Amino acid sequence: MSSSRHYIKVSPNDLRLNRLVGWLARRGISLAGSAELSVRGRKSGAMQRIPVNPYSQDGVQYLVSARGHSQWVRNMRAAGGGELRVGRKVRTFTAEEVPDAEKTPVLRGYLKRWGWEVDRFFQGVTAKSSDAELLAAAPDHPVFRITVTR
């Protein structure tokens, strides 16, 4: 894993949108497949919530941090898992961080699925970028393979 601390801070408009998407997910409304992630805070111990875009590829589920090494990423590394919620459906999971060398197909698929929303955080890298360009971007975008436990 990279020790990079790349992170794109949430703008006030994005913060408002995140709050709305999270609120909708808690009430059972998923926008284009979004869900609310809950992960235990590494310092506070309290559950932290943020909307995410889960991505499935070849029967495996992933969480990708478009913004980089965010607080939820740091908390996930410490907690090793969390919960995804859409309404009353809560899926508890364990998480394993994917090494940079293995991220290329996941990032490409994620950008095909979610690029309309997250391309601006990938500094010109898109689903159509070369494998080398995606690999170069990989250290800035943590990816977790998640396994639902209940």
Protein backbone atom coordinates (compact mmCIF):
# COMPACT_ATOMS: atom_id res chain seq x y z
CA MET A 1 0.00 0.00 0.00
CA SER A 2 1.10 3.52 -0.62
CA SER A 3 1.82 5.79 2.29
CA SER A 4 0.36 8.62 0.22
CA ARG A 5 -1.97 10.95 2.05
CA HIS A 6 -3.81 12.17 -1.03
CA TYR A 7 -7.20 13.49 0.00
CA ILE A 8 -9.67 15.83 -1.69
CA LYS A 9 -11.62 17.70 0.96
CA VAL A 10 -15.41 17.72 0.80
CA SER A 11 -16.80 21.01 -0.50
CA PRO A 12 -19.84 22.60 1.21
CA ASN A 13 -22.03 21.58 -1.76
CA ASP A 14 -20.76 18.00 -1.65
CA LEU A 15 -21.32 17.91 2.11
CA ARG A 16 -24.96 18.93 1.62
CA LEU A 17 -25.37 16.31 -1.12
CA ASN A 18 -23.74 13.63 1.09
CA ARG A 19 -26.14 14.44 3.90
CA LEU A 20 -29.11 14.15 1.54
CA VAL A 21 -27.92 10.87 0.00
CA GLY A 22 -27.25 9.43 3.49
CA TRP A 23 -30.66 10.57 4.72
CA LEU A 24 -32.34 8.95 1.72
CA ALA A 25 -30.38 5.70 2.16
CA ARG A 26 -31.44 5.50 5.83
CA ARG A 27 -35.04 5.73 4.60
CA GLY A 28 -34.63 3.01 1.99
CA ILE A 29 -33.99 5.12 -1.11
CA SER A 30 -30.77 4.29 -2.94
CA LEU A 31 -29.67 6.78 -5.58
CA ALA A 32 -28.13 4.79 -8.45
CA GLY A 33 -27.00 2.07 -6.05
CA SER A 34 -25.64 4.22 -3.23
CA ALA A 35 -25.72 3.07 0.41
CA GLU A 36 -24.79 4.51 3.77
CA LEU A 37 -21.54 3.20 5.23
CA SER A 38 -21.16 2.99 9.00
CA VAL A 39 -17.68 2.36 10.35
CA ARG A 40 -16.37 2.62 13.90
CA GLY A 41 -14.20 5.70 14.45
CA ARG A 42 -10.60 4.78 15.21
CA LYS A 43 -10.29 7.48 17.89
CA SER A 44 -13.84 8.08 19.15
CA GLY A 45 -15.13 4.52 18.92
CA ALA A 46 -18.44 5.98 17.72
CA MET A 47 -20.01 4.82 14.46
CA GLN A 48 -19.29 7.28 11.64
CA ARG A 49 -21.69 7.43 8.67
CA ILE A 50 -21.09 8.47 5.06
CA PRO A 51 -22.79 7.66 1.75
CA VAL A 52 -20.75 5.42 -0.56
CA ASN A 53 -21.07 3.80 -3.97
CA PRO A 54 -20.55 0.06 -3.49
CA TYR A 55 -19.23 -1.61 -6.63
CA SER A 56 -19.54 -5.29 -7.62
CA GLN A 57 -17.28 -7.01 -10.12
CA ASP A 58 -17.21 -10.74 -10.88
CA GLY A 59 -19.31 -11.48 -7.80
CA VAL A 60 -17.01 -9.54 -5.46
CA GLN A 61 -18.03 -6.31 -3.74
CA TYR A 62 -15.73 -3.32 -3.30
CA LEU A 63 -15.69 0.10 -1.70
CA VAL A 64 -13.52 2.66 -3.50
CA SER A 65 -12.49 5.98 -2.01
CA ALA A 66 -12.70 8.45 -4.87
CA ARG A 67 -11.47 11.28 -2.61
CA GLY A 68 -8.39 9.42 -1.41
CA HIS A 69 -7.23 8.67 2.12
CA SER A 70 -10.35 10.02 3.82
CA GLN A 71 -11.48 9.60 7.41
CA TRP A 72 -13.71 6.64 6.50
CA VAL A 73 -10.70 4.94 4.88
CA ARG A 74 -8.55 5.46 7.98
CA ASN A 75 -11.39 4.21 10.17
CA MET A 76 -11.92 1.15 7.92
CA ARG A 77 -8.25 0.25 8.17
CA ALA A 78 -8.52 0.31 11.96
CA ALA A 79 -11.95 -1.36 12.23
CA GLY A 80 -11.56 -4.00 9.51
CA GLY A 81 -15.20 -3.77 8.51
CA GLY A 82 -18.49 -1.99 8.99
CA GLU A 83 -22.09 -1.87 7.81
CA LEU A 84 -23.86 -0.85 4.62
CA ARG A 85 -27.44 0.36 4.99
CA VAL A 86 -30.31 1.03 2.64
CA GLY A 87 -33.46 1.46 4.73
CA ARG A 88 -33.96 -1.45 7.11
CA LYS A 89 -31.56 -3.65 5.15
CA VAL A 90 -28.22 -3.59 6.96
CA ARG A 91 -25.33 -5.68 5.69
CA THR A 92 -22.45 -6.20 8.12
CA PHE A 93 -19.12 -6.87 6.40
CA THR A 94 -15.42 -7.41 6.86
CA ALA A 95 -13.01 -5.44 4.68
CA GLU A 96 -9.62 -6.23 3.19
CA GLU A 97 -7.62 -3.47 1.52
CA VAL A 98 -6.65 -4.29 -2.07
CA PRO A 99 -2.96 -3.82 -2.97
CA ASP A 100 -2.26 -1.09 -5.55
CA ALA A 101 -1.01 -3.65 -8.10
CA GLU A 102 -4.46 -5.36 -8.09
CA LYS A 103 -6.65 -2.25 -8.31
CA THR A 104 -6.55 -1.55 -12.08
CA PRO A 105 -9.58 -3.66 -13.15
CA VAL A 106 -11.58 -2.54 -10.12
CA LEU A 107 -10.82 1.16 -10.70
CA ARG A 108 -11.68 0.82 -14.41
CA GLY A 109 -15.01 -0.84 -13.65
CA TYR A 110 -15.78 1.61 -10.84
CA LEU A 111 -15.12 4.55 -13.15
CA LYS A 112 -17.33 2.99 -15.86
CA ARG A 113 -20.14 2.67 -13.30
CA TRP A 114 -19.63 5.83 -11.23
CA GLY A 115 -17.43 8.09 -13.38
CA TRP A 116 -20.29 10.50 -14.04
CA GLU A 117 -20.13 11.30 -10.32
CA VAL A 118 -16.47 10.83 -9.36
CA ASP A 119 -14.28 11.56 -12.42
CA ARG A 120 -13.39 14.99 -11.01
CA PHE A 121 -11.55 13.31 -8.12
CA PHE A 122 -9.36 11.18 -10.42
CA GLN A 123 -7.29 14.02 -11.94
CA GLY A 124 -7.98 13.17 -15.58
CA VAL A 125 -7.96 9.38 -15.19
CA THR A 126 -11.14 7.79 -16.58
CA ALA A 127 -12.46 4.33 -17.39
CA LYS A 128 -10.87 4.75 -20.84
CA SER A 129 -7.39 5.47 -19.44
CA SER A 130 -4.58 3.00 -20.02
CA ASP A 131 -3.70 0.35 -17.45
CA ALA A 132 -0.51 2.32 -16.70
CA GLU A 133 -2.51 5.50 -15.98
CA LEU A 134 -4.91 3.62 -13.70
CA LEU A 135 -1.99 1.96 -11.92
CA ALA A 136 -0.36 5.37 -11.41
CA ALA A 137 -3.61 6.66 -9.84
CA ALA A 138 -4.08 3.56 -7.64
CA PRO A 139 -2.09 4.78 -4.58
CA ASP A 140 -4.38 7.81 -4.32
CA HIS A 141 -7.60 5.76 -4.25
CA PRO A 142 -7.90 3.10 -1.54
CA VAL A 143 -10.02 0.08 -2.46
CA PHE A 144 -11.51 -2.42 -0.01
CA ARG A 145 -12.80 -5.88 -0.89
CA ILE A 146 -15.81 -6.46 1.34
CA THR A 147 -17.31 -9.73 2.48
CA VAL A 148 -20.84 -9.59 3.84
CA THR A 149 -21.10 -11.50 7.11
CA ARG A 150 -24.82 -10.98 7.78
